[in-house]
């Protein structure tokens, strides 16, 4: 067990991290922090525009800064973008400051969800399923490196079903440490 006041949800693009986070946060009494939404608010532009102007490296720097800032808080459910694990310092922060739930969703299912979605810069202009498999090959070992719990999904389920499954597994595995630190 990883005792922590925070829950971090990681996983690949299109896995449903934001949806699961929004479902879980109020039920667990946690403040919801979505890293991509914070970056967009700070930059005043969508993620795709940040990628176009600053490249992936610029976006990852912004992502690391947001993670660094919010890891000092307690009582939050933080949803990271699909590539948040690509930096070793991010993986270390995640593992050190929260209980990490990896939402591992089949690439074919994610491809169905993402079909026609032009807002994902790393998927633009590529064979979608092939690109998802490529990203999975690169990132799955990184997710595994910092995950305390893996929630695997091979077929579509309602958010209530997935949320209840996650909540049940968290209750069995997450030793929630309540801290006196402030929330975001």
C-alpha atoms as a PDB file:
ATOM      1  CA  UNK A   1       0.000   0.000   0.000  1.00  0.00           C
ATOM      2  CA  UNK A   2       1.021   3.544  -0.684  1.00  0.00           C
ATOM      3  CA  UNK A   3      -0.475   5.702   2.087  1.00  0.00           C
ATOM      4  CA  UNK A   4      -1.312   9.102   0.670  1.00  0.00           C
ATOM      5  CA  UNK A   5      -3.917  11.861   0.908  1.00  0.00           C
ATOM      6  CA  UNK A   6      -3.989  12.123  -2.905  1.00  0.00           C
ATOM      7  CA  UNK A   7      -5.159   9.953  -5.771  1.00  0.00           C
ATOM      8  CA  UNK A   8      -3.515  10.333  -9.187  1.00  0.00           C
ATOM      9  CA  UNK A   9      -5.160   8.864 -12.298  1.00  0.00           C
ATOM     10  CA  UNK A  10      -2.849   8.097 -15.211  1.00  0.00           C
ATOM     11  CA  UNK A  11      -3.251   6.204 -18.462  1.00  0.00           C
ATOM     12  CA  UNK A  12      -3.160   6.519 -22.216  1.00  0.00           C
ATOM     13  CA  UNK A  13      -4.952   9.036 -24.378  1.00  0.00           C
ATOM     14  CA  UNK A  14      -8.642   8.216 -24.706  1.00  0.00           C
ATOM     15  CA  UNK A  15      -8.764   5.892 -21.696  1.00  0.00           C
ATOM     16  CA  UNK A  16     -11.368   7.995 -19.883  1.00  0.00           C
ATOM     17  CA  UNK A  17      -9.174   9.391 -17.105  1.00  0.00           C
ATOM     18  CA  UNK A  18     -11.011  12.712 -16.928  1.00  0.00           C
ATOM     19  CA  UNK A  19     -14.429  11.045 -16.910  1.00  0.00           C
ATOM     20  CA  UNK A  20     -13.404   8.578 -14.203  1.00  0.00           C
ATOM     21  CA  UNK A  21     -11.761  11.352 -12.188  1.00  0.00           C
ATOM     22  CA  UNK A  22     -14.901  13.490 -12.342  1.00  0.00           C
ATOM     23  CA  UNK A  23     -16.974  10.502 -11.185  1.00  0.00           C
ATOM     24  CA  UNK A  24     -14.625   9.512  -8.343  1.00  0.00           C
ATOM     25  CA  UNK A  25     -13.602  12.891  -6.913  1.00  0.00           C
ATOM     26  CA  UNK A  26     -16.916  13.871  -5.270  1.00  0.00           C
ATOM     27  CA  UNK A  27     -17.533  10.330  -4.032  1.00  0.00           C
ATOM     28  CA  UNK A  28     -14.123  10.272  -2.365  1.00  0.00           C
ATOM     29  CA  UNK A  29     -14.347  13.849  -1.083  1.00  0.00           C
ATOM     30  CA  UNK A  30     -11.376  14.978  -3.166  1.00  0.00           C
ATOM     31  CA  UNK A  31     -10.793  18.163  -5.161  1.00  0.00           C
ATOM     32  CA  UNK A  32     -10.550  17.383  -8.879  1.00  0.00           C
ATOM     33  CA  UNK A  33      -7.401  18.666 -10.604  1.00  0.00           C
ATOM     34  CA  UNK A  34      -7.109  18.034 -14.361  1.00  0.00           C
ATOM     35  CA  UNK A  35      -3.573  18.882 -15.454  1.00  0.00           C
ATOM     36  CA  UNK A  36      -4.462  19.504 -19.126  1.00  0.00           C
ATOM     37  CA  UNK A  37      -7.305  21.886 -18.185  1.00  0.00           C
ATOM     38  CA  UNK A  38      -4.990  23.838 -15.851  1.00  0.00           C
ATOM     39  CA  UNK A  39      -2.350  24.122 -18.584  1.00  0.00           C
ATOM     40  CA  UNK A  40      -4.978  25.370 -21.050  1.00  0.00           C
ATOM     41  CA  UNK A  41      -6.264  27.940 -18.532  1.00  0.00           C
ATOM     42  CA  UNK A  42      -2.763  29.188 -17.731  1.00  0.00           C
ATOM     43  CA  UNK A  43      -1.738  29.385 -21.403  1.00  0.00           C
ATOM     44  CA  UNK A  44      -5.053  30.761 -22.631  1.00  0.00           C
ATOM     45  CA  UNK A  45      -5.080  28.235 -25.458  1.00  0.00           C
ATOM     46  CA  UNK A  46      -5.917  24.566 -26.070  1.00  0.00           C
ATOM     47  CA  UNK A  47      -3.348  21.791 -25.747  1.00  0.00           C
ATOM     48  CA  UNK A  48      -3.214  21.348 -29.532  1.00  0.00           C
ATOM     49  CA  UNK A  49      -2.200  24.998 -29.981  1.00  0.00           C
ATOM     50  CA  UNK A  50       0.469  24.700 -27.288  1.00  0.00           C
ATOM     51  CA  UNK A  51       1.883  21.658 -29.117  1.00  0.00           C
ATOM     52  CA  UNK A  52       1.828  23.563 -32.423  1.00  0.00           C
ATOM     53  CA  UNK A  53       3.602  26.606 -30.977  1.00  0.00           C
ATOM     54  CA  UNK A  54       5.971  25.059 -28.433  1.00  0.00           C
ATOM     55  CA  UNK A  55       6.244  21.442 -29.516  1.00  0.00           C
ATOM     56  CA  UNK A  56       5.880  18.476 -27.223  1.00  0.00           C
ATOM     57  CA  UNK A  57       8.920  19.553 -25.189  1.00  0.00           C
ATOM     58  CA  UNK A  58       7.307  22.907 -24.357  1.00  0.00           C
ATOM     59  CA  UNK A  59       4.075  21.244 -23.366  1.00  0.00           C
ATOM     60  CA  UNK A  60       5.902  18.700 -21.171  1.00  0.00           C
ATOM     61  CA  UNK A  61       7.693  21.533 -19.363  1.00  0.00           C
ATOM     62  CA  UNK A  62       4.340  23.155 -18.609  1.00  0.00           C
ATOM     63  CA  UNK A  63       2.950  19.795 -17.490  1.00  0.00           C
ATOM     64  CA  UNK A  64       5.879  19.191 -15.115  1.00  0.00           C
ATOM     65  CA  UNK A  65       5.467  22.670 -13.605  1.00  0.00           C
ATOM     66  CA  UNK A  66       1.757  22.106 -12.927  1.00  0.00           C
ATOM     67  CA  UNK A  67       2.425  18.682 -11.430  1.00  0.00           C
ATOM     68  CA  UNK A  68       5.192  20.124  -9.251  1.00  0.00           C
ATOM     69  CA  UNK A  69       2.898  22.893  -8.000  1.00  0.00           C
ATOM     70  CA  UNK A  70      -0.081  20.670  -7.227  1.00  0.00           C
ATOM     71  CA  UNK A  71       1.884  17.830  -5.647  1.00  0.00           C
ATOM     72  CA  UNK A  72       2.385  20.091  -2.637  1.00  0.00           C
ATOM     73  CA  UNK A  73      -1.369  19.992  -1.925  1.00  0.00           C
ATOM     74  CA  UNK A  74      -3.370  17.277  -0.210  1.00  0.00           C
ATOM     75  CA  UNK A  75      -6.888  15.935  -0.647  1.00  0.00           C
ATOM     76  CA  UNK A  76      -6.987  15.936  -4.423  1.00  0.00           C
ATOM     77  CA  UNK A  77      -7.682  13.626  -7.298  1.00  0.00           C
ATOM     78  CA  UNK A  78      -5.254  14.642 -10.031  1.00  0.00           C
ATOM     79  CA  UNK A  79      -5.825  13.525 -13.617  1.00  0.00           C
ATOM     80  CA  UNK A  80      -2.673  13.535 -15.727  1.00  0.00           C
ATOM     81  CA  UNK A  81      -2.444  13.577 -19.494  1.00  0.00           C
ATOM     82  CA  UNK A  82      -1.421  10.438 -21.340  1.00  0.00           C
ATOM     83  CA  UNK A  83       2.222  11.482 -21.560  1.00  0.00           C
ATOM     84  CA  UNK A  84       2.700  12.762 -18.021  1.00  0.00           C
ATOM     85  CA  UNK A  85       4.776   9.645 -17.285  1.00  0.00           C
ATOM     86  CA  UNK A  86       7.346  10.330 -20.018  1.00  0.00           C
ATOM     87  CA  UNK A  87       9.527  12.419 -17.690  1.00  0.00           C
ATOM     88  CA  UNK A  88      11.319  10.513 -14.911  1.00  0.00           C
ATOM     89  CA  UNK A  89      10.854  13.440 -12.502  1.00  0.00           C
ATOM     90  CA  UNK A  90       7.081  13.328 -13.081  1.00  0.00           C
ATOM     91  CA  UNK A  91       6.950   9.595 -12.355  1.00  0.00           C
ATOM     92  CA  UNK A  92       8.907  10.165  -9.150  1.00  0.00           C
ATOM     93  CA  UNK A  93       6.542  12.972  -8.077  1.00  0.00           C
ATOM     94  CA  UNK A  94       3.484  10.859  -8.813  1.00  0.00           C
ATOM     95  CA  UNK A  95       4.811   7.901  -6.835  1.00  0.00           C
ATOM     96  CA  UNK A  96       5.997  10.059  -3.938  1.00  0.00           C
ATOM     97  CA  UNK A  97       2.945  12.298  -3.520  1.00  0.00           C
ATOM     98  CA  UNK A  98      -0.062  10.115  -4.298  1.00  0.00           C
ATOM     99  CA  UNK A  99      -1.630   6.733  -4.771  1.00  0.00           C
ATOM    100  CA  UNK A 100      -1.390   6.139  -8.520  1.00  0.00           C
ATOM    101  CA  UNK A 101      -4.241   4.470 -10.395  1.00  0.00           C
ATOM    102  CA  UNK A 102      -3.366   3.412 -13.962  1.00  0.00           C
ATOM    103  CA  UNK A 103      -6.465   3.215 -16.151  1.00  0.00           C
ATOM    104  CA  UNK A 104      -5.325   0.648 -18.735  1.00  0.00           C
ATOM    105  CA  UNK A 105      -7.779   0.578 -21.629  1.00  0.00           C
ATOM    106  CA  UNK A 106      -7.472  -1.556 -24.766  1.00  0.00           C
ATOM    107  CA  UNK A 107      -6.105   0.343 -27.787  1.00  0.00           C
ATOM    108  CA  UNK A 108      -8.948  -0.789 -30.061  1.00  0.00           C
ATOM    109  CA  UNK A 109     -11.511   0.580 -27.615  1.00  0.00           C
ATOM    110  CA  UNK A 110      -9.621   3.866 -27.358  1.00  0.00           C
ATOM    111  CA  UNK A 111      -9.430   4.068 -31.163  1.00  0.00           C
ATOM    112  CA  UNK A 112     -13.232   3.812 -31.325  1.00  0.00           C
ATOM    113  CA  UNK A 113     -13.560   6.592 -28.760  1.00  0.00           C
ATOM    114  CA  UNK A 114     -11.016   8.832 -30.489  1.00  0.00           C
ATOM    115  CA  UNK A 115     -12.170   8.378 -34.094  1.00  0.00           C
ATOM    116  CA  UNK A 116     -12.594  11.842 -35.594  1.00  0.00           C
ATOM    117  CA  UNK A 117     -11.119  13.644 -32.562  1.00  0.00           C
ATOM    118  CA  UNK A 118      -8.789  16.295 -33.989  1.00  0.00           C
ATOM    119  CA  UNK A 119      -7.791  17.718 -30.589  1.00  0.00           C
ATOM    120  CA  UNK A 120      -5.056  15.143 -29.832  1.00  0.00           C
ATOM    121  CA  UNK A 121      -1.792  16.454 -31.320  1.00  0.00           C
ATOM    122  CA  UNK A 122       0.184  13.218 -31.004  1.00  0.00           C
ATOM    123  CA  UNK A 123      -2.474  11.364 -33.010  1.00  0.00           C
ATOM    124  CA  UNK A 124      -2.821  13.843 -35.879  1.00  0.00           C
ATOM    125  CA  UNK A 125      -2.233  12.492 -39.371  1.00  0.00           C
ATOM    126  CA  UNK A 126      -1.461   8.957 -38.273  1.00  0.00           C
ATOM    127  CA  UNK A 127      -3.117   5.599 -38.595  1.00  0.00           C
ATOM    128  CA  UNK A 128      -4.962   5.914 -35.293  1.00  0.00           C
ATOM    129  CA  UNK A 129      -4.782   2.316 -34.069  1.00  0.00           C
ATOM    130  CA  UNK A 130      -1.163   1.928 -35.155  1.00  0.00           C
ATOM    131  CA  UNK A 131      -0.201   5.164 -33.362  1.00  0.00           C
ATOM    132  CA  UNK A 132      -2.015   4.105 -30.186  1.00  0.00           C
ATOM    133  CA  UNK A 133      -0.129   0.793 -30.214  1.00  0.00           C
ATOM    134  CA  UNK A 134       3.144   2.664 -30.714  1.00  0.00           C
ATOM    135  CA  UNK A 135       2.433   5.011 -27.785  1.00  0.00           C
ATOM    136  CA  UNK A 136       1.408   2.024 -25.647  1.00  0.00           C
ATOM    137  CA  UNK A 137       4.693   0.253 -26.391  1.00  0.00           C
ATOM    138  CA  UNK A 138       6.605   3.348 -25.296  1.00  0.00           C
ATOM    139  CA  UNK A 139       4.532   4.274 -22.259  1.00  0.00           C
ATOM    140  CA  UNK A 140       3.175   1.088 -20.677  1.00  0.00           C
ATOM    141  CA  UNK A 141       6.473   0.369 -18.871  1.00  0.00           C
ATOM    142  CA  UNK A 142       6.401   3.954 -17.596  1.00  0.00           C
ATOM    143  CA  UNK A 143       2.839   3.654 -16.297  1.00  0.00           C
ATOM    144  CA  UNK A 144       3.801   0.386 -14.616  1.00  0.00           C
ATOM    145  CA  UNK A 145       6.827   2.065 -13.047  1.00  0.00           C
ATOM    146  CA  UNK A 146       4.718   4.340 -10.859  1.00  0.00           C
ATOM    147  CA  UNK A 147       1.293   2.645 -10.638  1.00  0.00           C
ATOM    148  CA  UNK A 148       0.016   1.366  -7.308  1.00  0.00           C
ATOM    149  CA  UNK A 149      -3.131  -0.095  -8.878  1.00  0.00           C
ATOM    150  CA  UNK A 150      -4.008  -1.066 -12.442  1.00  0.00           C
ATOM    151  CA  UNK A 151      -7.627  -0.961 -13.564  1.00  0.00           C
ATOM    152  CA  UNK A 152      -7.913  -2.780 -16.904  1.00  0.00           C
ATOM    153  CA  UNK A 153     -10.769  -2.243 -19.339  1.00  0.00           C
ATOM    154  CA  UNK A 154     -11.114  -4.308 -22.520  1.00  0.00           C
ATOM    155  CA  UNK A 155     -14.662  -3.344 -23.491  1.00  0.00           C
ATOM    156  CA  UNK A 156     -16.921  -0.338 -23.057  1.00  0.00           C
ATOM    157  CA  UNK A 157     -18.770  -0.075 -19.738  1.00  0.00           C
ATOM    158  CA  UNK A 158     -20.949   2.632 -18.239  1.00  0.00           C
ATOM    159  CA  UNK A 159     -19.092   5.163 -16.087  1.00  0.00           C
ATOM    160  CA  UNK A 160     -21.116   4.101 -13.033  1.00  0.00           C
ATOM    161  CA  UNK A 161     -19.911   0.513 -13.455  1.00  0.00           C
ATOM    162  CA  UNK A 162     -16.296   1.551 -14.006  1.00  0.00           C
ATOM    163  CA  UNK A 163     -16.434   4.059 -11.148  1.00  0.00           C
ATOM    164  CA  UNK A 164     -17.859   1.542  -8.698  1.00  0.00           C
ATOM    165  CA  UNK A 165     -15.228  -0.990  -9.753  1.00  0.00           C
ATOM    166  CA  UNK A 166     -12.482   1.587  -9.226  1.00  0.00           C
ATOM    167  CA  UNK A 167     -13.913   2.661  -5.885  1.00  0.00           C
ATOM    168  CA  UNK A 168     -14.070  -0.945  -4.687  1.00  0.00           C
ATOM    169  CA  UNK A 169     -10.482  -1.681  -5.702  1.00  0.00           C
ATOM    170  CA  UNK A 170      -9.276   1.569  -4.172  1.00  0.00           C
ATOM    171  CA  UNK A 171     -10.994   0.720  -0.893  1.00  0.00           C
ATOM    172  CA  UNK A 172      -9.075  -2.567  -0.812  1.00  0.00           C
ATOM    173  CA  UNK A 173      -5.685  -1.148  -1.847  1.00  0.00           C
ATOM    174  CA  UNK A 174      -5.397   2.555  -0.982  1.00  0.00           C
ATOM    175  CA  UNK A 175      -4.539   3.438   2.566  1.00  0.00           C
ATOM    176  CA  UNK A 176      -5.823   6.969   2.516  1.00  0.00           C
ATOM    177  CA  UNK A 177      -3.644   9.133   4.707  1.00  0.00           C
ATOM    178  CA  UNK A 178      -5.377  12.320   5.753  1.00  0.00           C
ATOM    179  CA  UNK A 179      -2.944  15.192   5.938  1.00  0.00           C
ATOM    180  CA  UNK A 180      -3.283  18.591   7.552  1.00  0.00           C
ATOM    181  CA  UNK A 181      -1.965  20.262   4.375  1.00  0.00           C
ATOM    182  CA  UNK A 182      -4.286  22.421   2.330  1.00  0.00           C
ATOM    183  CA  UNK A 183      -6.104  21.392  -0.814  1.00  0.00           C
ATOM    184  CA  UNK A 184      -5.715  23.237  -4.128  1.00  0.00           C
END
